[in-house]
Amino acid sequence: MLTETLPSIIPYCGAPPVPDGFWSAWNGDPVLLSVFVLAAAGYAMVVRRHGAGMARHQPWCFAAGWLVLFAAFVSPLCNLTSALFSARVVQHLLTIQVAAPLLVLSWPIGAVRWPGWVRTLASPLAVPEIAWGLFGLFLWVWHLPGPYMAALRFDAVLWVMHASLLVGAVAAWRTVLAPDDAAMRGRGLLSAFSTSVHLAILAALLIFAPQPLFVYHLETTAPWGLSALADQQLGGLIMGVVGAAVYVAINLYALARWLMVPERQRS
C-alpha cells in the first residue's frame, strides 16, 4: 500500500511504503540478485583455490558482509529508503561501516593478481590520507540535497552512489584493517579519526538545519508518524551517534591489532 499523495519521483526501491504491508516489500530486481549470486560464487572459487592459506574467520566475514549487503539492498529496508531519509542513513551505515570492514577482513592477501594497469590506478588508494579523503568526499557529496535527489530520480546515479560509497569504504578500511605496510596502520587510524570528526559535523548539520533539506521527503514521511524535518533529524542522530560508536569500535579493534605488531614494524 502506498501513501495517498505520492511524490512525482518513484525511486529504484519503489514507491514510498506505509507501515501496512511494509514487510512484504522485498526487492526482486533480477540484475541485483544475479550480482549477489555471482559475488558468492566468486568468493567460493577464491576459498577453493586459497582455502588452505586462509584464516578461519575470513569466509565467515565474507558471509556476514554478504548478508549485511543483502539486508541493505534486498530486504524491505530498501523500500523504506523511499519514504524515510533516516532509513537511507541506516542503509549507508550498513554498507560503509559494517559490510565494508567485513569484506576487507574476508579477503586473503594475494587472492587475485590484478593486471599492472589496475594496480597502478589503485595504488593511490593504499595511501591512508588519500583513501579516507576520497571516502569522506563521497560521504559528503551523497548527503547534499542535489546529488541525493539525483540518486532518487535516476537509477544509474543511485548505483554510482552506492558503488562509490562501498568501494571508497573498502579502500579506506583496508588502510586500517589490512594495510600493505604495518607502518601505514597508524596513519590509517589517524585518517579514520579525522573522517569520524567530519561525519559528526555532517550529522550536526542534518540535526540542526532549520528546515528539511530533501524536498522529496516532504510527501513521504507522514505515514510513519514523522515530519520531514524530524526524519532528517533522526537520520542525523543515527549518523552521529550510531555511526560514531561503530567508528570507535572498529578503530579500537584495529588499534589493538596494530599494538600487537612488533614495534620495529610500526615505524
Protein backbone atom coordinates (compact mmCIF):
# COMPACT_ATOMS: atom_id res chain seq x y z
CA MET A 1 0.00 0.00 0.00
CA LEU A 2 1.30 3.46 -0.91
CA THR A 3 0.89 6.88 0.55
CA GLU A 4 -2.21 8.74 -0.59
CA THR A 5 -0.17 11.55 -2.14
CA LEU A 6 2.85 10.11 -3.88
CA PRO A 7 5.80 12.26 -4.85
CA SER A 8 6.36 12.65 -8.57
CA ILE A 9 9.58 10.62 -8.36
CA ILE A 10 9.40 6.84 -7.97
CA PRO A 11 12.88 5.71 -6.86
CA TYR A 12 14.63 2.45 -7.71
CA CYS A 13 13.47 0.82 -4.46
CA GLY A 14 9.83 1.51 -5.28
CA ALA A 15 7.11 3.92 -4.28
CA PRO A 16 7.21 5.13 -0.65
CA PRO A 17 5.62 2.48 1.60
CA VAL A 18 3.33 2.84 4.57
CA PRO A 19 3.53 0.60 7.64
CA ASP A 20 0.75 -1.75 6.47
CA GLY A 21 2.31 -4.44 4.31
CA PHE A 22 5.78 -2.93 4.53
CA TRP A 23 7.45 -6.24 5.45
CA SER A 24 6.40 -7.82 2.15
CA ALA A 25 8.22 -5.19 0.06
CA TRP A 26 11.34 -7.14 -0.88
CA ASN A 27 13.49 -6.07 -3.84
CA GLY A 28 13.25 -8.70 -6.57
CA ASP A 29 15.48 -6.97 -9.14
CA PRO A 30 16.95 -9.91 -11.12
CA VAL A 31 20.10 -7.98 -12.02
CA LEU A 32 20.85 -7.18 -8.40
CA LEU A 33 20.09 -10.73 -7.27
CA SER A 34 22.40 -12.03 -10.00
CA VAL A 35 25.19 -9.81 -8.69
CA PHE A 36 24.75 -11.29 -5.23
CA VAL A 37 24.82 -14.83 -6.60
CA LEU A 38 27.92 -14.11 -8.71
CA ALA A 39 29.69 -12.50 -5.76
CA ALA A 40 29.02 -15.56 -3.60
CA ALA A 41 30.13 -17.90 -6.39
CA GLY A 42 33.28 -15.86 -7.00
CA TYR A 43 34.24 -15.94 -3.34
CA ALA A 44 33.57 -19.69 -3.23
CA MET A 45 36.14 -20.06 -6.03
CA VAL A 46 38.63 -17.99 -4.01
CA VAL A 47 38.08 -20.24 -0.99
CA ARG A 48 38.50 -23.33 -3.12
CA ARG A 49 41.78 -22.04 -4.54
CA HIS A 50 43.26 -20.40 -1.44
CA GLY A 51 41.37 -22.10 1.38
CA ALA A 52 44.43 -23.77 2.86
CA GLY A 53 46.14 -20.42 3.34
CA MET A 54 43.10 -18.52 4.61
CA ALA A 55 42.38 -17.66 8.20
CA ARG A 56 39.37 -19.39 9.69
CA HIS A 57 37.49 -16.13 10.18
CA GLN A 58 37.71 -14.97 6.56
CA PRO A 59 34.87 -16.99 4.99
CA TRP A 60 32.66 -16.09 7.94
CA CYS A 61 33.46 -12.41 7.48
CA PHE A 62 32.52 -12.63 3.81
CA ALA A 63 29.26 -14.41 4.61
CA ALA A 64 28.41 -11.77 7.21
CA GLY A 65 29.28 -8.90 4.86
CA TRP A 66 27.25 -10.52 2.06
CA LEU A 67 24.23 -10.87 4.36
CA VAL A 68 24.52 -7.26 5.52
CA LEU A 69 24.53 -6.01 1.93
CA PHE A 70 21.62 -8.32 1.12
CA ALA A 71 19.69 -6.83 4.02
CA ALA A 72 20.56 -3.29 2.90
CA PHE A 73 19.55 -3.69 -0.75
CA VAL A 74 17.08 -6.58 -0.99
CA SER A 75 15.15 -6.57 2.29
CA PRO A 76 12.25 -4.14 2.91
CA LEU A 77 14.83 -1.64 4.18
CA CYS A 78 15.47 -0.78 0.53
CA ASN A 79 11.82 0.17 0.04
CA LEU A 80 11.78 2.10 3.32
CA THR A 81 14.53 4.37 1.99
CA SER A 82 11.95 5.66 -0.49
CA ALA A 83 9.94 7.02 2.43
CA LEU A 84 12.46 7.96 5.10
CA PHE A 85 15.80 9.74 4.91
CA SER A 86 16.69 8.10 8.22
CA ALA A 87 16.30 4.68 6.58
CA ARG A 88 18.72 5.79 3.86
CA VAL A 89 21.23 6.71 6.55
CA VAL A 90 20.84 3.23 8.06
CA GLN A 91 21.37 1.68 4.62
CA HIS A 92 24.53 3.74 4.10
CA LEU A 93 25.92 2.90 7.54
CA LEU A 94 25.31 -0.81 6.99
CA THR A 95 27.22 -0.52 3.72
CA ILE A 96 30.19 1.58 4.81
CA GLN A 97 30.59 0.67 8.48
CA VAL A 98 29.53 -2.96 8.66
CA ALA A 99 29.74 -4.63 5.25
CA ALA A 100 32.89 -2.84 4.04
CA PRO A 101 35.10 -3.74 7.06
CA LEU A 102 33.82 -7.33 6.94
CA LEU A 103 34.71 -7.61 3.25
CA VAL A 104 38.19 -6.24 3.96
CA LEU A 105 38.71 -8.83 6.69
CA SER A 106 37.40 -11.60 4.43
CA TRP A 107 39.84 -11.13 1.57
CA PRO A 108 43.01 -13.29 1.53
CA ILE A 109 46.14 -11.38 0.55
CA GLY A 110 47.22 -12.19 -2.99
CA ALA A 111 43.98 -13.98 -3.87
CA VAL A 112 43.71 -12.10 -7.17
CA ARG A 113 46.62 -10.99 -9.31
CA TRP A 114 45.35 -7.78 -10.86
CA PRO A 115 46.77 -6.50 -14.17
CA GLY A 116 49.55 -3.95 -13.84
CA TRP A 117 47.45 -1.03 -15.05
CA VAL A 118 44.79 -1.81 -12.41
CA ARG A 119 47.42 -1.89 -9.66
CA THR A 120 48.84 1.40 -10.92
CA LEU A 121 45.44 3.10 -10.91
CA ALA A 122 44.55 1.70 -7.49
CA SER A 123 47.92 2.35 -5.84
CA PRO A 124 46.97 5.83 -4.52
CA LEU A 125 44.16 4.17 -2.54
CA ALA A 126 46.80 2.37 -0.46
CA VAL A 127 47.78 5.77 0.96
CA PRO A 128 45.56 6.29 4.03
CA GLU A 129 45.16 10.04 3.63
CA ILE A 130 44.03 9.65 0.02
CA ALA A 131 41.71 6.70 0.68
CA TRP A 132 39.99 8.30 3.66
CA GLY A 133 39.89 11.72 2.00
CA LEU A 134 38.17 10.29 -1.08
CA PHE A 135 35.76 8.30 1.04
CA GLY A 136 34.95 11.40 3.10
CA LEU A 137 34.30 13.35 -0.09
CA PHE A 138 31.86 10.68 -1.30
CA LEU A 139 30.13 10.73 2.08
CA TRP A 140 29.53 14.48 1.93
CA VAL A 141 28.57 14.62 -1.74
CA TRP A 142 25.86 11.98 -1.48
CA HIS A 143 24.24 13.66 1.51
CA LEU A 144 23.93 17.01 -0.24
CA PRO A 145 20.40 17.78 -1.49
CA GLY A 146 21.28 17.93 -5.20
CA PRO A 147 23.13 14.61 -5.54
CA TYR A 148 20.69 12.95 -3.13
CA MET A 149 17.73 13.97 -5.29
CA ALA A 150 19.55 12.89 -8.46
CA ALA A 151 20.06 9.43 -6.94
CA LEU A 152 16.33 9.20 -6.24
CA ARG A 153 15.43 10.33 -9.73
CA PHE A 154 17.90 8.28 -11.79
CA ASP A 155 18.75 4.64 -11.13
CA ALA A 156 22.19 5.00 -12.72
CA VAL A 157 23.08 7.80 -10.31
CA LEU A 158 21.76 5.73 -7.41
CA TRP A 159 24.13 2.88 -8.24
CA VAL A 160 27.04 5.27 -8.73
CA MET A 161 26.27 6.50 -5.22
CA HIS A 162 26.17 3.03 -3.69
CA ALA A 163 29.22 1.80 -5.62
CA SER A 164 31.33 4.84 -4.74
CA LEU A 165 30.43 4.61 -1.05
CA LEU A 166 31.15 0.86 -0.89
CA VAL A 167 34.38 0.97 -2.89
CA GLY A 168 35.53 4.09 -1.05
CA ALA A 169 34.77 2.49 2.31
CA VAL A 170 36.56 -0.76 1.40
CA ALA A 171 39.64 1.18 0.27
CA ALA A 172 39.60 3.30 3.43
CA TRP A 173 39.08 0.45 5.89
CA ARG A 174 41.77 -1.56 4.15
CA THR A 175 44.37 1.00 5.25
CA VAL A 176 43.33 0.35 8.85
CA LEU A 177 42.46 -3.35 8.91
CA ALA A 178 44.72 -4.83 6.22
CA PRO A 179 47.37 -2.29 5.14
CA ASP A 180 50.11 -3.24 2.69
CA ASP A 181 52.63 -2.00 5.26
CA ALA A 182 52.08 -2.32 9.01
CA ALA A 183 53.59 1.15 9.45
CA MET A 184 50.67 2.54 7.41
CA ARG A 185 48.14 1.41 10.01
CA GLY A 186 48.93 4.29 12.36
CA ARG A 187 48.35 6.80 9.56
CA GLY A 188 45.17 4.96 8.65
CA LEU A 189 43.90 5.24 12.20
CA LEU A 190 44.56 8.99 12.25
CA SER A 191 42.81 9.39 8.90
CA ALA A 192 39.86 7.34 10.13
CA PHE A 193 39.63 9.58 13.20
CA SER A 194 39.51 12.69 11.00
CA THR A 195 36.70 11.10 8.99
CA SER A 196 34.74 10.42 12.16
CA VAL A 197 35.08 14.12 13.04
CA HIS A 198 33.64 15.41 9.79
CA LEU A 199 30.97 12.67 9.91
CA ALA A 200 29.93 14.24 13.22
CA ILE A 201 29.89 17.67 11.55
CA LEU A 202 27.68 16.35 8.75
CA ALA A 203 25.37 14.78 11.33
CA ALA A 204 25.16 18.06 13.24
CA LEU A 205 24.20 19.94 10.08
CA LEU A 206 21.39 17.46 9.48
CA ILE A 207 20.20 17.67 13.08
CA PHE A 208 20.27 21.45 13.45
CA ALA A 209 19.14 22.50 9.97
CA PRO A 210 16.14 24.82 10.46
CA GLN A 211 14.17 23.22 7.63
CA PRO A 212 14.13 19.96 5.63
CA LEU A 213 16.95 19.74 3.10
CA PHE A 214 15.43 16.96 0.99
CA VAL A 215 12.15 18.20 -0.51
CA TYR A 216 11.26 14.75 -1.83
CA HIS A 217 10.59 13.55 1.72
CA LEU A 218 8.07 16.33 2.40
CA GLU A 219 5.44 13.95 0.98
CA THR A 220 6.70 10.59 2.23
CA THR A 221 7.22 10.64 6.00
CA ALA A 222 3.75 11.36 7.44
CA PRO A 223 2.50 7.73 7.40
CA TRP A 224 5.43 6.87 9.68
CA GLY A 225 4.48 9.50 12.24
CA LEU A 226 7.33 11.85 11.34
CA SER A 227 7.62 15.22 9.71
CA ALA A 228 10.29 15.59 7.05
CA LEU A 229 12.37 17.67 9.47
CA ALA A 230 12.02 15.12 12.30
CA ASP A 231 13.01 12.33 9.90
CA GLN A 232 16.07 14.32 8.84
CA GLN A 233 16.99 14.95 12.47
CA LEU A 234 16.58 11.25 13.24
CA GLY A 235 18.90 10.45 10.34
CA GLY A 236 21.45 12.90 11.71
CA LEU A 237 21.23 11.34 15.17
CA ILE A 238 21.72 7.85 13.76
CA MET A 239 24.69 9.07 11.76
CA GLY A 240 26.22 10.99 14.64
CA VAL A 241 25.60 8.55 17.50
CA VAL A 242 25.46 5.07 15.98
CA GLY A 243 27.93 5.95 13.23
CA ALA A 244 30.41 7.40 15.69
CA ALA A 245 30.10 4.39 18.01
CA VAL A 246 30.83 1.99 15.16
CA TYR A 247 33.86 4.04 14.08
CA VAL A 248 35.21 3.97 17.63
CA ALA A 249 34.66 0.21 17.95
CA ILE A 250 36.34 -0.67 14.66
CA ASN A 251 39.23 1.71 15.23
CA LEU A 252 39.83 0.33 18.72
CA TYR A 253 39.92 -3.16 17.22
CA ALA A 254 42.38 -2.01 14.56
CA LEU A 255 44.47 -0.19 17.17
CA ALA A 256 44.65 -3.34 19.29
CA ARG A 257 45.84 -5.32 16.27
CA TRP A 258 48.43 -2.64 15.49
CA LEU A 259 49.78 -2.63 19.03
CA MET A 260 50.32 -6.37 18.79
CA VAL A 261 52.69 -5.82 15.85
CA PRO A 262 56.37 -5.71 16.92
CA GLU A 263 57.43 -2.08 17.46
CA ARG A 264 60.13 -2.20 14.79
CA GLN A 265 57.44 -2.94 12.16
CA ARG A 266 55.32 0.05 13.15
CA SER A 267 57.87 2.67 12.20
